[in-house]
Amino acid sequence: MNDIHLIQEIERYLDGEMSAPEKEAFESLRRSDSAIDRQVTEHRLLLQQLRANGMRKDLLRRMDSIHAKAEIPVAPPALAPVVPLRSRRRTWLNLAAAASIALITSLATMAIMQNNAKRSYTSKYEDVRRVLNNIQRSQNALIRDISKNNPPLNPGTYGGTCFAISRNGFMVTNYHVIAGADSIYIQNNKGEAFKAVSIFEDVSSDLAVLRVADSNFRTPALPYSLKLQPSRLGQEVFSMGFPRDEIVYGMGYISAQTGFNGDTLAYQVSIPVNPGNSGAPLLDNSGEVIGIITGKQSSSDGIAFAVKSGHLKRLLDELPKEKFNRRDLKQKSQLGGLNRVDQAKKLEEFVYMVKVYN
């Protein structure tokens, strides 16, 4: 597929001109090719900007029309009636007032439309990044001499959750958790903190890969693996994250095969999600990771969204092989066959709180 044909297909997809089989085939292509998926997102933003530019040009045309009407034709001297100065001044004032009203009305309409669109979007979806200013207990753990990578003594600006994807310090979380950070620290359930850096970010899927700065950092063998096959509707799932200053368990089920606004790269999940759960792993009963929590529907309780693990696998394949050990996530899950209490006990050692400082 050449570039021109691809752009034409993207526009047909975004304009809803594809038939159901064509749409299904194109969405399958998006899932299999992250570059094309990113190009679809960028093209959607470009079309929105072009529409906004069209509204601006329409406003300018309306203003030019008003100015044209304001031009009073001059009649021949012999036929031109004598118009009192006060009458001419009143005419110009009326025209100026009409032009001002038209301009203000147009600008107000545009502002209201943009505000309503923004309000409609944010009322349906919100990320679950946690503001940490009110978490003072974590400060007590951080000020102890726990490692050579001691974080700042304030409790952090905001944060979320991450979990290990290799034994040598690679973690995955949401991009919105660490976006704009000056420094990043992760903290385990024992209160130990480690400095981390972001090494890979994918804005379109809201995922980021972190690495612990200490090259000697190691974890035990990962007890879970990535599940690449799609999970079924109604599949029971659970998650563990940091919506508070200690790890919290949540249980639910897959309620839709697509995420927010029909996103085919995500699941809709009925599970309790609160600020701080961003980046938490979503697992099935066998202890396999099937997704990563990204956000929730603010207008309804218990409706969350999670990026599918298959998309995470495609992103991890882009990491340099000499740094990231892919075999750590290919081991058979050690959580299968255990009851939920034992699964949670094993899992909590590999889930970390993310603390961001600006």
Protein backbone atom coordinates (compact mmCIF):
# COMPACT_ATOMS: atom_id res chain seq x y z
CA MET A 1 0.00 0.00 0.00
CA ASN A 2 1.66 3.27 -1.15
CA ASP A 3 1.49 6.50 0.87
CA ILE A 4 -1.22 8.15 -1.26
CA HIS A 5 -3.44 5.07 -1.17
CA LEU A 6 -2.90 4.72 2.58
CA ILE A 7 -3.94 8.34 3.19
CA GLN A 8 -7.05 7.79 1.04
CA GLU A 9 -7.94 4.69 3.04
CA ILE A 10 -7.37 6.52 6.34
CA GLU A 11 -9.72 9.33 5.25
CA ARG A 12 -12.37 6.81 4.17
CA TYR A 13 -12.01 5.12 7.58
CA LEU A 14 -12.27 8.37 9.54
CA ASP A 15 -15.21 9.62 7.43
CA GLY A 16 -17.12 6.35 7.97
CA GLU A 17 -17.20 5.53 4.26
CA MET A 18 -15.87 1.96 4.63
CA SER A 19 -18.12 -1.05 4.55
CA ALA A 20 -18.17 -3.32 7.59
CA PRO A 21 -15.68 -5.86 6.08
CA GLU A 22 -13.37 -3.04 4.94
CA LYS A 23 -13.49 -1.42 8.37
CA GLU A 24 -12.74 -4.72 10.09
CA ALA A 25 -9.78 -5.37 7.76
CA PHE A 26 -8.43 -1.85 8.28
CA GLU A 27 -8.70 -2.10 12.08
CA SER A 28 -6.87 -5.43 11.90
CA LEU A 29 -4.12 -3.63 9.98
CA ARG A 30 -3.97 -0.95 12.70
CA ARG A 31 -3.57 -3.60 15.37
CA SER A 32 -0.75 -5.31 13.49
CA ASP A 33 1.16 -2.16 12.49
CA SER A 34 1.81 0.47 15.17
CA ALA A 35 3.15 2.93 12.56
CA ILE A 36 -0.15 2.89 10.65
CA ASP A 37 -2.11 3.18 13.90
CA ARG A 38 -0.03 6.23 14.84
CA GLN A 39 -0.59 7.73 11.37
CA VAL A 40 -4.37 7.32 11.77
CA THR A 41 -4.24 9.23 15.08
CA GLU A 42 -2.10 12.00 13.57
CA HIS A 43 -4.36 12.28 10.50
CA ARG A 44 -7.42 12.61 12.74
CA LEU A 45 -5.76 15.55 14.53
CA LEU A 46 -4.82 17.11 11.18
CA LEU A 47 -8.43 16.94 9.97
CA GLN A 48 -9.60 18.58 13.20
CA GLN A 49 -7.11 21.42 12.68
CA LEU A 50 -8.24 21.84 9.06
CA ARG A 51 -11.87 22.05 10.16
CA ALA A 52 -10.95 24.72 12.75
CA ASN A 53 -9.07 26.64 10.03
CA GLY A 54 -12.15 26.41 7.79
CA MET A 55 -14.29 27.95 10.55
CA ARG A 56 -11.79 30.80 10.86
CA LYS A 57 -11.85 31.47 7.10
CA ASP A 58 -15.66 31.43 7.12
CA LEU A 59 -15.61 34.05 9.86
CA LEU A 60 -13.28 36.24 7.77
CA ARG A 61 -15.60 35.92 4.76
CA ARG A 62 -18.56 37.01 6.89
CA MET A 63 -16.61 40.03 8.15
CA ASP A 64 -15.66 40.98 4.57
CA SER A 65 -19.32 40.76 3.61
CA ILE A 66 -20.27 43.10 6.45
CA HIS A 67 -17.58 45.57 5.41
CA ALA A 68 -18.80 45.45 1.80
CA LYS A 69 -22.32 46.32 2.92
CA ALA A 70 -20.94 49.20 4.96
CA GLU A 71 -19.58 50.93 1.82
CA ILE A 72 -22.14 53.65 0.87
CA PRO A 73 -22.19 54.34 -2.90
CA VAL A 74 -21.67 57.96 -3.86
CA ALA A 75 -24.36 59.33 -6.20
CA PRO A 76 -23.64 61.95 -8.91
CA PRO A 77 -23.46 65.46 -7.41
CA ALA A 78 -26.54 66.71 -9.23
CA LEU A 79 -28.71 63.85 -7.97
CA ALA A 80 -27.22 63.18 -4.54
CA PRO A 81 -29.51 64.26 -1.74
CA VAL A 82 -28.03 66.24 1.07
CA VAL A 83 -27.71 63.91 4.07
CA PRO A 84 -27.37 65.62 7.42
CA LEU A 85 -24.08 64.96 9.20
CA ARG A 86 -25.90 63.55 12.24
CA SER A 87 -27.78 61.04 10.02
CA ARG A 88 -24.56 59.86 8.32
CA ARG A 89 -22.88 59.46 11.70
CA ARG A 90 -25.85 57.43 12.98
CA THR A 91 -25.66 55.16 9.90
CA TRP A 92 -21.97 54.45 10.44
CA LEU A 93 -22.51 53.80 14.15
CA ASN A 94 -25.29 51.32 13.35
CA LEU A 95 -23.12 49.52 10.81
CA ALA A 96 -20.17 49.40 13.22
CA ALA A 97 -22.41 48.05 15.96
CA ALA A 98 -23.79 45.38 13.62
CA ALA A 99 -20.29 44.35 12.59
CA SER A 100 -19.17 44.16 16.22
CA ILE A 101 -22.18 42.08 17.21
CA ALA A 102 -21.59 39.68 14.30
CA LEU A 103 -17.91 39.31 15.22
CA ILE A 104 -18.64 38.74 18.92
CA THR A 105 -21.40 36.25 18.10
CA SER A 106 -19.14 34.26 15.77
CA LEU A 107 -16.27 34.15 18.25
CA ALA A 108 -18.60 33.21 21.10
CA THR A 109 -20.14 30.42 19.00
CA MET A 110 -16.71 29.00 18.21
CA ALA A 111 -15.65 29.19 21.86
CA ILE A 112 -18.84 27.48 23.03
CA MET A 113 -18.45 24.71 20.45
CA GLN A 114 -14.83 24.06 21.46
CA ASN A 115 -15.67 24.18 25.16
CA ASN A 116 -18.62 21.80 24.75
CA ALA A 117 -16.50 19.38 22.73
CA LYS A 118 -13.78 19.43 25.38
CA ARG A 119 -16.30 19.08 28.20
CA SER A 120 -18.04 16.20 26.42
CA TYR A 121 -14.75 14.34 26.00
CA THR A 122 -13.41 14.90 29.51
CA SER A 123 -16.77 14.03 31.08
CA LYS A 124 -16.59 10.57 29.53
CA TYR A 125 -12.91 9.68 29.95
CA GLU A 126 -10.28 10.60 32.49
CA ASP A 127 -6.86 9.21 33.18
CA VAL A 128 -6.25 7.89 36.66
CA ARG A 129 -3.02 9.60 37.53
CA ARG A 130 -2.88 10.29 41.24
CA VAL A 131 -2.07 13.63 42.86
CA LEU A 132 0.30 12.81 45.70
CA ASN A 133 0.38 16.08 47.62
CA ASN A 134 -1.96 14.65 50.25
CA ILE A 135 -0.01 11.44 50.78
CA GLN A 136 2.21 12.34 53.68
CA ARG A 137 2.82 8.86 55.01
CA SER A 138 4.90 7.96 51.98
CA GLN A 139 7.30 10.76 52.88
CA ASN A 140 8.26 8.95 56.06
CA ALA A 141 9.31 5.90 54.07
CA LEU A 142 11.20 7.94 51.51
CA ILE A 143 13.35 9.90 53.98
CA ARG A 144 14.84 6.73 55.42
CA ASP A 145 18.26 5.71 54.20
CA ILE A 146 16.92 2.94 51.99
CA SER A 147 19.23 3.14 48.99
CA LYS A 148 21.84 5.29 47.38
CA ASN A 149 19.16 6.63 45.03
CA ASN A 150 17.28 8.56 47.71
CA PRO A 151 14.40 10.58 46.17
CA PRO A 152 13.52 14.17 47.13
CA LEU A 153 12.04 14.62 50.58
CA ASN A 154 8.66 15.92 49.35
CA PRO A 155 5.93 13.37 48.69
CA GLY A 156 5.91 13.94 44.90
CA THR A 157 3.71 15.82 42.47
CA TYR A 158 1.67 12.90 41.19
CA GLY A 159 2.03 9.25 40.34
CA GLY A 160 0.55 5.93 39.44
CA THR A 161 1.53 2.28 39.17
CA CYS A 162 4.06 0.26 37.19
CA PHE A 163 5.00 -3.42 37.08
CA ALA A 164 8.10 -5.39 36.12
CA ILE A 165 8.48 -6.76 32.59
CA SER A 166 12.02 -8.09 33.08
CA ARG A 167 14.27 -9.13 35.95
CA ASN A 168 16.82 -6.35 35.34
CA GLY A 169 14.68 -3.32 36.12
CA PHE A 170 12.43 -2.73 33.10
CA MET A 171 8.92 -1.55 34.07
CA VAL A 172 5.81 -0.55 32.11
CA THR A 173 3.37 2.22 33.05
CA ASN A 174 1.16 4.81 31.32
CA TYR A 175 2.69 7.67 29.37
CA HIS A 176 0.39 10.20 31.07
CA VAL A 177 1.81 9.18 34.46
CA ILE A 178 5.38 10.27 33.64
CA ALA A 179 4.75 12.94 30.96
CA GLY A 180 6.75 16.09 31.69
CA ALA A 181 8.57 14.60 34.69
CA ASP A 182 11.90 16.01 35.84
CA SER A 183 12.61 12.88 37.86
CA ILE A 184 10.90 9.54 38.44
CA TYR A 185 11.08 7.13 41.39
CA ILE A 186 9.39 3.81 41.92
CA GLN A 187 8.62 2.35 45.35
CA ASN A 188 7.85 -1.25 46.26
CA ASN A 189 5.47 -2.55 48.92
CA LYS A 190 8.32 -2.54 51.47
CA GLY A 191 8.86 1.22 51.14
CA GLU A 192 12.10 0.87 49.17
CA ALA A 193 12.54 3.52 46.48
CA PHE A 194 14.60 3.43 43.29
CA LYS A 195 15.36 6.11 40.74
CA ALA A 196 14.03 5.30 37.25
CA VAL A 197 14.24 6.82 33.78
CA SER A 198 11.85 6.67 30.84
CA ILE A 199 13.48 4.91 27.88
CA PHE A 200 10.53 4.40 25.52
CA GLU A 201 7.22 6.24 25.13
CA ASP A 202 4.23 5.65 22.85
CA VAL A 203 1.74 8.50 23.14
CA SER A 204 -0.89 6.93 20.87
CA SER A 205 -1.33 3.91 23.18
CA ASP A 206 -0.51 5.84 26.41
CA LEU A 207 2.31 3.46 27.36
CA ALA A 208 5.85 4.08 28.59
CA VAL A 209 8.75 1.80 29.50
CA LEU A 210 10.89 2.72 32.51
CA ARG A 211 14.22 1.33 33.63
CA VAL A 212 15.68 1.42 37.13
CA ALA A 213 18.82 3.56 37.04
CA ASP A 214 20.78 1.17 39.26
CA SER A 215 22.34 -1.39 36.88
CA ASN A 216 22.58 -3.90 39.75
CA PHE A 217 18.82 -3.92 40.33
CA ARG A 218 17.32 -7.40 40.05
CA THR A 219 13.99 -9.06 40.83
CA PRO A 220 13.17 -12.76 41.18
CA ALA A 221 11.84 -14.57 38.11
CA LEU A 222 8.58 -13.02 36.95
CA PRO A 223 5.60 -15.15 38.08
CA TYR A 224 3.42 -14.02 35.14
CA SER A 225 3.59 -13.89 31.35
CA LEU A 226 1.96 -11.82 28.61
CA LYS A 227 -1.19 -13.31 27.12
CA LEU A 228 -1.23 -12.53 23.40
CA GLN A 229 -4.56 -14.18 22.52
CA PRO A 230 -7.68 -12.01 22.93
CA SER A 231 -9.62 -12.54 26.15
CA ARG A 232 -13.33 -13.29 26.00
CA LEU A 233 -16.26 -11.14 26.99
CA GLY A 234 -17.16 -11.83 30.62
CA GLN A 235 -13.66 -13.13 31.46
CA GLU A 236 -12.96 -12.62 35.16
CA VAL A 237 -9.93 -10.37 35.75
CA PHE A 238 -8.11 -8.74 38.65
CA SER A 239 -5.60 -5.97 39.15
CA MET A 240 -3.24 -4.62 41.80
CA GLY A 241 -2.18 -0.97 41.99
CA PHE A 242 -1.51 2.04 44.20
CA PRO A 243 -4.59 4.28 44.50
CA ARG A 244 -3.38 4.85 48.07
CA ASP A 245 -0.10 4.54 49.96
CA GLU A 246 -0.30 0.75 49.94
CA ILE A 247 -1.06 -1.82 47.27
CA VAL A 248 -4.77 -2.43 46.62
CA TYR A 249 -6.45 -5.44 44.99
CA GLY A 250 -9.43 -5.10 42.65
CA MET A 251 -11.54 -7.71 40.83
CA GLY A 252 -13.92 -7.46 37.87
CA TYR A 253 -14.57 -8.75 34.35
CA ILE A 254 -14.17 -7.75 30.70
CA SER A 255 -17.34 -5.92 29.68
CA ALA A 256 -16.42 -5.04 26.07
CA GLN A 257 -13.80 -6.07 23.52
CA THR A 258 -13.01 -2.45 22.65
CA GLY A 259 -12.02 0.53 24.76
CA PHE A 260 -13.05 4.19 24.86
CA ASN A 261 -14.76 5.34 21.63
CA GLY A 262 -14.39 1.84 20.15
CA ASP A 263 -10.59 1.71 20.49
CA THR A 264 -9.65 -1.75 19.20
CA LEU A 265 -6.31 -1.70 21.07
CA ALA A 266 -8.04 -1.72 24.46
CA TYR A 267 -10.64 -3.53 26.57
CA GLN A 268 -13.49 -2.03 28.56
CA VAL A 269 -13.39 -3.52 32.04
CA SER A 270 -15.87 -3.43 34.90
CA ILE A 271 -13.46 -3.06 37.80
CA PRO A 272 -12.92 -0.49 40.60
CA VAL A 273 -10.38 2.09 39.39
CA ASN A 274 -9.23 5.20 41.25
CA PRO A 275 -6.46 7.79 40.84
CA GLY A 276 -3.16 5.92 41.16
CA ASN A 277 -4.28 2.79 39.29
CA SER A 278 -2.83 4.05 35.99
CA GLY A 279 -0.26 1.55 34.73
CA ALA A 280 -1.46 -1.33 36.91
CA PRO A 281 -1.42 -4.83 35.39
CA LEU A 282 -4.70 -6.52 34.47
CA LEU A 283 -4.54 -10.32 34.85
CA ASP A 284 -6.81 -13.28 34.20
CA ASN A 285 -7.45 -16.25 36.50
CA SER A 286 -4.38 -18.06 35.16
CA GLY A 287 -2.11 -15.23 36.23
CA GLU A 288 -1.36 -13.99 32.72
CA VAL A 289 -1.20 -10.25 32.01
CA ILE A 290 -3.91 -9.36 29.50
CA GLY A 291 -3.71 -5.56 29.71
CA ILE A 292 -2.57 -2.36 31.42
CA ILE A 293 -5.06 -0.03 33.15
CA THR A 294 -5.10 3.40 31.46
CA GLY A 295 -8.22 5.29 32.52
CA LYS A 296 -11.89 5.21 33.40
CA GLN A 297 -15.23 6.60 32.30
CA SER A 298 -15.86 9.45 34.69
CA SER A 299 -19.61 9.57 34.08
CA SER A 300 -20.07 5.98 35.32
CA ASP A 301 -18.62 4.13 38.29
CA GLY A 302 -16.80 0.85 37.71
CA ILE A 303 -16.08 1.31 34.00
CA ALA A 304 -12.35 1.32 33.19
CA PHE A 305 -10.16 0.81 30.13
CA ALA A 306 -7.00 -1.23 29.62
CA VAL A 307 -4.55 -1.42 26.71
CA LYS A 308 -4.35 -4.99 25.45
CA SER A 309 -1.16 -6.93 26.19
CA GLY A 310 -0.78 -7.81 22.51
CA HIS A 311 -0.11 -4.14 21.75
CA LEU A 312 2.40 -3.96 24.61
CA LYS A 313 4.21 -6.95 23.07
CA ARG A 314 4.56 -5.08 19.76
CA LEU A 315 6.04 -2.07 21.55
CA LEU A 316 8.50 -4.20 23.53
CA ASP A 317 9.70 -5.78 20.29
CA GLU A 318 11.02 -2.33 19.33
CA LEU A 319 13.35 -2.18 22.34
CA PRO A 320 17.05 -2.99 21.74
CA LYS A 321 17.58 -6.73 22.19
CA GLU A 322 20.89 -6.27 24.00
CA LYS A 323 19.15 -4.36 26.82
CA PHE A 324 15.73 -5.96 27.25
CA ASN A 325 15.46 -9.69 27.92
CA ARG A 326 12.24 -10.80 26.20
CA ARG A 327 12.51 -14.30 27.66
CA ASP A 328 11.52 -13.02 31.11
CA LEU A 329 7.92 -12.52 29.91
CA LYS A 330 7.79 -15.75 27.92
CA GLN A 331 8.10 -18.06 30.91
CA LYS A 332 5.01 -20.03 31.89
CA SER A 333 2.93 -18.26 34.53
CA GLN A 334 3.57 -19.46 38.07
CA LEU A 335 0.22 -18.09 39.25
CA GLY A 336 -1.98 -20.63 37.50
CA GLY A 337 -3.61 -23.11 39.87
CA LEU A 338 -3.10 -20.89 42.93
CA ASN A 339 -6.00 -19.39 44.84
CA ARG A 340 -6.44 -15.65 44.56
CA VAL A 341 -4.86 -14.90 47.95
CA ASP A 342 -1.63 -16.68 46.97
CA GLN A 343 -1.69 -15.08 43.51
CA ALA A 344 -1.91 -11.62 45.05
CA LYS A 345 0.88 -12.40 47.53
CA LYS A 346 3.25 -13.42 44.73
CA LEU A 347 2.24 -10.54 42.46
CA GLU A 348 2.69 -7.67 44.90
CA GLU A 349 6.48 -8.08 44.86
CA PHE A 350 6.51 -7.03 41.19
CA VAL A 351 4.09 -4.07 41.31
CA TYR A 352 5.47 -0.62 42.21
CA MET A 353 4.17 2.83 43.00
CA VAL A 354 5.39 5.51 40.56
CA LYS A 355 6.27 8.92 41.99
CA VAL A 356 6.87 11.84 39.66
CA TYR A 357 8.65 15.09 40.53
CA ASN A 358 8.52 18.32 38.51
